[in-house]
Amino acid sequence: MREREKGRTLEQAAASANLRSRKTAAKYEKLGKLPSELNQPRRYRTRQNPFEEDWPTVRAKLEDAPSLEAKALFEWLCEQHSGRYQEGQLRTFQRHVATWRALNQKQVAILEQVHRPGEVLQTDGTWLTKLGVTIQGQPFKHLLIHCVLPYSNWEWGRIAQSESLAALRLGLQSALVKLGHVPKYHRTDNSSAATYWPGAKAQGEHERQYTDDYLLLLEHYGLEPQTTNLDSPHENGDVESLNGGLKRAVEQYLLLRGGRDFESIEAYEGFLFDVMNRRNISRQERLAEELAVMNPLSAAPLATNSQVRVPVTRGSLIRVQKNVYSVPTSLIGRRVTVRIHEWHLDVYYQTNLVDTLPRLIGEKKHHVNYRHVIDSLIRKPGGFRDYRYRDDLFPSLVFRRAWEQLNQWQSPRKADIAYLRILRLAARGIESEVAAALERLLATPERWDETDVEHILQPEPIHVPQLTCGQVHLRQYDQLLLGGRHGA
């Protein structure tokens, strides 16, 4: 058309447009439209729909169960109509289902929010156990108390065992100390660390109330509480979104590190701090806008541990937060002070640190250290077999296997005594060496007992060479002295 406007003939214009047919060029000139303007969407099928006969049934299933996956529905159709459909038609069926959903199935749209700088800090707990991190070779079950400023996406967090109030306090005040400033609001979901059901729930109450301890925490830092509605995690969408982004980043840095094992919890948490600091570098400009409108942090950090005083029972046990722990028997009948940290308990008698115990999460659990009670069990071996916390007296699987093997060879009392003596060897020596000795003995078909374990543990005697002591003559020293005088 441009060529024709320049005065070219139809044949010349057609050749410039790479059209070989003068008739085709004349058609477009007559219509005054480009070929692309004449294209119409195809409204007919080029082949028969293979699912047309069963589509009403498929549509009814999708309407009744919107979350039903196309693959599961296709497999159900194949079972209902054997031989009618082939495995290679799955992709075609999935396209049909996707088209129907796009035209008929309504979804909830995400409504983007306007974030104001320095207004709110969102906090959420997200599990990191699937990253496969280990501490000294042992699987590490943990979550991250993740804090995010929605305006700048600045983030910080601390690892914990559960979403308890103590963990929430640790994560929140760590983020505030890192910022050095305090926003107006703190928003969480409806976790039991921050909210609870009042007694009126049975009478139709549908709102959770803030716990007193949580409100005291916010009051200390000058924060106002906010929470999401029930079953509405999207209302904390920024921290929920960054949960996934942080996990992906940690996974990549673990791959770059070349290993997932850490020497200690502190070393692993330092690794996480480094990852979050790197992610926060690109957020400094918007973070500065937030800090400019926040109040400076003036409150001193609260203690991250709590403290209780408990009695030691005649079984050398203490009860802390509805869980049972053993302590040295020298404390029986006395009261001890227990400082409860996120990962451990410190047991004090007066001002003396007596022991450090791993902290249990939940209720009605127990941790009995065999080293605390082994001497009592040796004196009363009859109490071992039916001991309430007997399972804690097997430090690892090989110890249980050893006891079961001894049970097959000896009477119950002799088997218990033999095992307790093996356990005493572990308590007085190195547990891993005893475990290795048991592995060695369990691999042999011959019978063995505690004496064989003790024999393996005994080091081979060191061969001391015999030296012949010669007789010393004092005259030789006199000759040396005289010779030195003459030389002078």
Foldseek 3Di string as FASTA:
>chain_A
DVVVVVVDDLCVVCVVVVHPDSVVSVVCVVVVDDPVVPDDDDDDDPDDDLCVVVVVVVVVVCVVPVPDALVVVVVVVCVVPPPSDDPVCSVVSNVVVVVCCVVPPDDDDDDDDDADFLAEKEWDKAWLQVLQFAAVPHRDTWIWGKIARQQLRQIDTDIFNDPALLRNLVGVVVVCVVLQFHGAAYEYECDPNFWDCDPCVVVPDQDTHGDPVNVVSCVLFNYDYHYDHPPCCCVSVSRVVVVVVLSVQLSVVCVVVVHRYDNDSVRVRVVSVVSSVVVCPVRVVSNVVNRVPTGGGDGDRDDSKDKDKFAQACQQWTADPQEIEHFANVRHGHIWMWIGHRFWIFTGDPNRGRDIGGDDPDHPYYAYDCLRCLVVCLVVVVCQPPPPPNVNLQVDPLLVVQLVVLVVVDPNSVSSNQSSLLSVCCSVDPVVLLSVLSVVVVVDPDDDTNVSSVVVPDDDDDDDDDDDDDDDDCVVVVVVVVVVVVVD
